Amino acid sequence: MAKLTYLSHSGWLLECGNHTIAIDPFLEGNPMAKVKPSDIKADFIIVTHAHGDHLGDSISIAKANNATIITNFEIANYCSAKGANAHPLHIGGAHGFPFGKVKLTIAWHGSAFPDGSYGGTPAGCLITSEGKTVYHAGDTGLFMDMKLIGEMNDIDVALLPIGDNFTMGIDDAVKAVEFIKPKLVIPMHYKTFDVIDVDPQEFAQKVQGKGFNAKILGIGESHEF
């Protein structure tokens, strides 16, 4: 049994076995967050790209928990230079960890650190643990290779951005679900800021109209699978 808890924006906690993985833990400065970085207990942290609303509090959480940050090569070097443990990956590459496997996927977006310096290639990730697979798409537009991701992986839960403006909007995210064919899709990256204030109920209804399962999680709510 695995458990996903929504931290808000694109941030999650994934509990599997005896391990907890935080994904894109943006809490300080996040108007929607209900917990502080000091509340997060994690063994590993996955960062999809270098933007401040995704790198977020990863370094401070990693240091406080002696956790390892899993991310692209450039972000891993940046985090290591700040005193955090980090494991570098890059697009298409996978590696085994005590909880399972992480593979980075394409994401069509940008990636720069808050100071504007280059943050490597943005990514999504496939996390496989105890026979379950979660696809966190990161910040991305719709792309055709999502069909390959769905064909090559039996995805239990897909976490997809729907907020538009910076990522896919609702209709493109619905098409992504058709490509990926997950057992369940949960929307993310919406309502944190005015410019991405969209209705997740509209997304869920459209997904269900296509014959797929969707679930909306409130901040702090969890899904077990």
Protein backbone atom coordinates (compact mmCIF):
# COMPACT_ATOMS: atom_id res chain seq x y z
CA MET A 1 0.00 0.00 0.00
CA ALA A 2 1.26 3.45 -0.96
CA LYS A 3 -0.03 6.83 0.17
CA LEU A 4 0.06 10.22 -1.57
CA THR A 5 -0.59 13.42 0.40
CA TYR A 6 -1.11 16.75 -1.36
CA LEU A 7 1.05 19.55 0.04
CA SER A 8 -0.38 22.11 -2.45
CA HIS A 9 0.77 23.46 -5.82
CA SER A 10 2.90 20.59 -7.26
CA GLY A 11 4.10 19.38 -3.88
CA TRP A 12 3.46 15.88 -2.58
CA LEU A 13 4.50 13.36 0.02
CA LEU A 14 4.66 9.77 -1.20
CA GLU A 15 4.84 7.11 1.53
CA CYS A 16 5.80 3.64 0.39
CA GLY A 17 7.01 0.93 2.70
CA ASN A 18 9.29 2.48 5.30
CA HIS A 19 10.20 5.46 3.15
CA THR A 20 8.78 8.92 2.53
CA ILE A 21 9.53 10.89 -0.63
CA ALA A 22 8.74 14.59 -0.90
CA ILE A 23 8.17 15.94 -4.41
CA ASP A 24 8.62 19.65 -5.26
CA PRO A 25 8.08 20.83 -1.66
CA PHE A 26 7.31 24.54 -2.14
CA LEU A 27 6.04 25.73 1.25
CA GLU A 28 7.66 29.01 2.36
CA GLY A 29 6.08 31.80 0.34
CA ASN A 30 3.31 29.52 -0.87
CA PRO A 31 -0.06 31.13 -0.04
CA MET A 32 -1.82 27.75 -0.14
CA ALA A 33 0.57 25.71 2.01
CA LYS A 34 -0.73 24.52 5.37
CA VAL A 35 2.53 23.09 6.71
CA LYS A 36 6.04 24.46 7.21
CA PRO A 37 9.28 22.97 5.92
CA SER A 38 10.10 21.92 9.48
CA ASP A 39 6.94 19.77 9.50
CA ILE A 40 8.17 17.62 6.60
CA LYS A 41 9.88 14.33 7.42
CA ALA A 42 11.30 12.65 4.33
CA ASP A 43 14.09 10.27 3.35
CA PHE A 44 14.24 11.48 -0.26
CA ILE A 45 13.18 14.58 -2.16
CA ILE A 46 12.48 14.72 -5.90
CA VAL A 47 12.80 18.09 -7.64
CA THR A 48 11.43 18.37 -11.18
CA HIS A 49 13.04 21.71 -12.10
CA ALA A 50 14.81 24.72 -10.63
CA HIS A 51 12.00 27.28 -10.46
CA GLY A 52 11.46 28.58 -6.95
CA ASP A 53 7.94 27.17 -6.72
CA HIS A 54 9.32 23.64 -7.26
CA LEU A 55 12.84 23.61 -5.82
CA GLY A 56 11.14 25.40 -2.96
CA ASP A 57 12.35 24.24 0.44
CA SER A 58 14.10 21.12 -0.80
CA ILE A 59 17.53 22.05 0.49
CA SER A 60 16.43 22.97 4.01
CA ILE A 61 14.26 19.85 4.26
CA ALA A 62 17.10 17.67 2.98
CA LYS A 63 19.53 19.08 5.53
CA ALA A 64 17.08 18.72 8.41
CA ASN A 65 16.32 15.09 7.55
CA ASN A 66 19.66 13.97 6.11
CA ALA A 67 17.60 13.22 3.01
CA THR A 68 18.85 12.81 -0.56
CA ILE A 69 17.61 15.12 -3.30
CA ILE A 70 16.96 13.32 -6.59
CA THR A 71 16.97 15.67 -9.54
CA ASN A 72 18.77 16.63 -12.75
CA PHE A 73 22.55 16.98 -12.85
CA GLU A 74 22.61 20.77 -12.66
CA ILE A 75 20.20 21.04 -9.74
CA ALA A 76 21.99 18.20 -7.94
CA ASN A 77 25.29 20.10 -8.22
CA TYR A 78 23.59 23.27 -6.95
CA CYS A 79 22.10 21.45 -3.96
CA SER A 80 25.38 19.71 -3.17
CA ALA A 81 27.16 23.06 -3.18
CA LYS A 82 24.60 24.25 -0.62
CA GLY A 83 25.46 21.32 1.65
CA ALA A 84 22.64 18.90 0.81
CA ASN A 85 22.94 15.28 -0.27
CA ALA A 86 21.96 14.85 -3.91
CA HIS A 87 21.78 12.16 -6.57
CA PRO A 88 21.95 13.39 -10.20
CA LEU A 89 19.81 11.97 -12.99
CA HIS A 90 18.85 13.20 -16.44
CA ILE A 91 16.09 12.74 -18.98
CA GLY A 92 15.44 9.08 -19.75
CA GLY A 93 17.76 7.92 -17.00
CA ALA A 94 16.62 5.78 -14.09
CA HIS A 95 18.21 4.67 -10.84
CA GLY A 96 17.28 2.33 -8.03
CA PHE A 97 16.90 3.62 -4.48
CA PRO A 98 15.94 1.83 -1.25
CA PHE A 99 12.25 2.58 -1.90
CA GLY A 100 12.25 1.67 -5.62
CA LYS A 101 13.13 3.33 -8.93
CA VAL A 102 12.99 6.90 -10.23
CA LYS A 103 13.15 7.73 -13.93
CA LEU A 104 13.15 11.26 -15.32
CA THR A 105 10.89 12.01 -18.27
CA ILE A 106 10.53 14.85 -20.71
CA ALA A 107 8.70 17.99 -19.56
CA TRP A 108 8.26 20.97 -21.89
CA HIS A 109 8.91 23.97 -19.70
CA GLY A 110 11.87 26.03 -18.47
CA SER A 111 14.28 25.62 -15.58
CA ALA A 112 16.18 28.47 -13.96
CA PHE A 113 17.16 29.09 -10.37
CA PRO A 114 15.60 32.08 -8.59
CA ASP A 115 18.71 34.14 -9.42
CA GLY A 116 18.16 33.45 -13.14
CA SER A 117 21.04 31.02 -13.59
CA TYR A 118 20.60 27.88 -15.67
CA GLY A 119 18.84 25.03 -13.90
CA GLY A 120 19.21 22.22 -16.42
CA THR A 121 16.41 20.53 -18.33
CA PRO A 122 12.97 20.43 -16.68
CA ALA A 123 11.57 16.97 -16.06
CA GLY A 124 8.71 14.83 -14.98
CA CYS A 125 9.32 11.61 -13.10
CA LEU A 126 8.15 8.04 -12.89
CA ILE A 127 8.37 6.62 -9.37
CA THR A 128 8.00 2.86 -9.01
CA SER A 129 7.80 1.27 -5.58
CA GLU A 130 6.36 -2.03 -4.36
CA GLY A 131 4.68 -2.67 -7.70
CA LYS A 132 3.03 0.77 -7.88
CA THR A 133 3.94 3.53 -10.35
CA VAL A 134 3.29 7.25 -9.95
CA TYR A 135 3.84 9.68 -12.81
CA HIS A 136 4.46 13.26 -11.69
CA ALA A 137 4.48 15.25 -14.92
CA GLY A 138 6.24 18.31 -13.49
CA ASP A 139 5.46 21.62 -15.15
CA THR A 140 4.76 20.84 -18.78
CA GLY A 141 2.72 21.47 -21.85
CA LEU A 142 1.04 18.62 -23.67
CA PHE A 143 3.41 16.51 -25.76
CA MET A 144 2.90 13.50 -27.97
CA ASP A 145 5.46 11.31 -26.19
CA MET A 146 3.03 11.07 -23.28
CA LYS A 147 1.55 8.25 -25.35
CA LEU A 148 4.86 6.39 -25.05
CA ILE A 149 4.98 7.01 -21.33
CA GLY A 150 1.53 5.45 -21.06
CA GLU A 151 2.37 2.54 -23.36
CA MET A 152 5.60 1.65 -21.59
CA ASN A 153 4.40 2.05 -18.01
CA ASP A 154 1.40 0.78 -16.07
CA ILE A 155 0.63 4.01 -14.25
CA ASP A 156 -1.42 3.78 -11.08
CA VAL A 157 -1.62 7.52 -10.41
CA ALA A 158 -0.82 10.42 -12.74
CA LEU A 159 -0.29 13.85 -11.19
CA LEU A 160 -0.92 16.44 -13.90
CA PRO A 161 -0.78 20.24 -13.94
CA ILE A 162 -4.00 21.89 -15.10
CA GLY A 163 -3.56 25.57 -14.26
CA ASP A 164 -2.87 26.88 -17.78
CA ASN A 165 -0.66 29.94 -18.49
CA PHE A 166 2.59 28.23 -17.39
CA THR A 167 1.56 24.61 -18.08
CA MET A 168 -1.21 22.60 -19.68
CA GLY A 169 -4.70 23.93 -19.22
CA ILE A 170 -7.70 21.74 -18.54
CA ASP A 171 -8.40 20.57 -22.10
CA ASP A 172 -4.76 19.74 -22.84
CA ALA A 173 -4.50 17.89 -19.53
CA VAL A 174 -7.58 15.85 -20.45
CA LYS A 175 -5.87 14.88 -23.71
CA ALA A 176 -2.78 13.93 -21.67
CA VAL A 177 -4.94 11.53 -19.67
CA GLU A 178 -6.12 9.94 -22.93
CA PHE A 179 -2.47 9.47 -23.91
CA ILE A 180 -1.24 8.16 -20.55
CA LYS A 181 -4.24 6.02 -19.59
CA PRO A 182 -3.56 5.97 -15.84
CA LYS A 183 -5.75 4.10 -13.39
CA LEU A 184 -6.32 7.45 -11.66
CA VAL A 185 -5.43 11.07 -12.34
CA ILE A 186 -5.13 13.80 -9.70
CA PRO A 187 -4.81 17.45 -10.80
CA MET A 188 -2.17 19.82 -9.44
CA HIS A 189 -0.57 23.22 -10.12
CA TYR A 190 -3.74 25.30 -9.96
CA LYS A 191 -5.18 28.10 -7.77
CA THR A 192 -1.86 28.87 -6.05
CA PHE A 193 -1.74 32.18 -7.92
CA ASP A 194 -4.49 34.17 -9.66
CA VAL A 195 -3.05 33.44 -13.10
CA ILE A 196 -3.58 29.68 -12.63
CA ASP A 197 -6.98 29.87 -10.94
CA VAL A 198 -8.95 27.16 -12.74
CA ASP A 199 -11.71 24.81 -11.58
CA PRO A 200 -10.49 21.26 -10.90
CA GLN A 201 -14.09 20.03 -10.94
CA GLU A 202 -14.27 20.91 -14.64
CA PHE A 203 -11.15 18.86 -15.24
CA ALA A 204 -12.48 15.89 -13.26
CA GLN A 205 -15.81 15.94 -15.08
CA LYS A 206 -14.14 16.04 -18.50
CA VAL A 207 -11.78 13.21 -17.57
CA GLN A 208 -14.67 11.10 -16.32
CA GLY A 209 -16.54 11.88 -19.52
CA LYS A 210 -13.67 10.21 -21.40
CA GLY A 211 -14.02 7.08 -19.28
CA PHE A 212 -11.10 7.66 -16.89
CA ASN A 213 -10.98 8.07 -13.13
CA ALA A 214 -10.16 11.41 -11.55
CA LYS A 215 -9.88 12.49 -7.94
CA ILE A 216 -9.43 15.96 -6.50
CA LEU A 217 -7.44 16.17 -3.30
CA GLY A 218 -7.70 19.12 -0.98
CA ILE A 219 -4.51 20.40 0.58
CA GLY A 220 -3.44 17.96 3.26
CA GLU A 221 -5.69 15.19 1.96
CA SER A 222 -4.34 11.78 1.03
CA HIS A 223 -5.00 8.94 -1.41
CA GLU A 224 -4.03 5.36 -0.67
CA PHE A 225 -3.50 2.85 -3.45
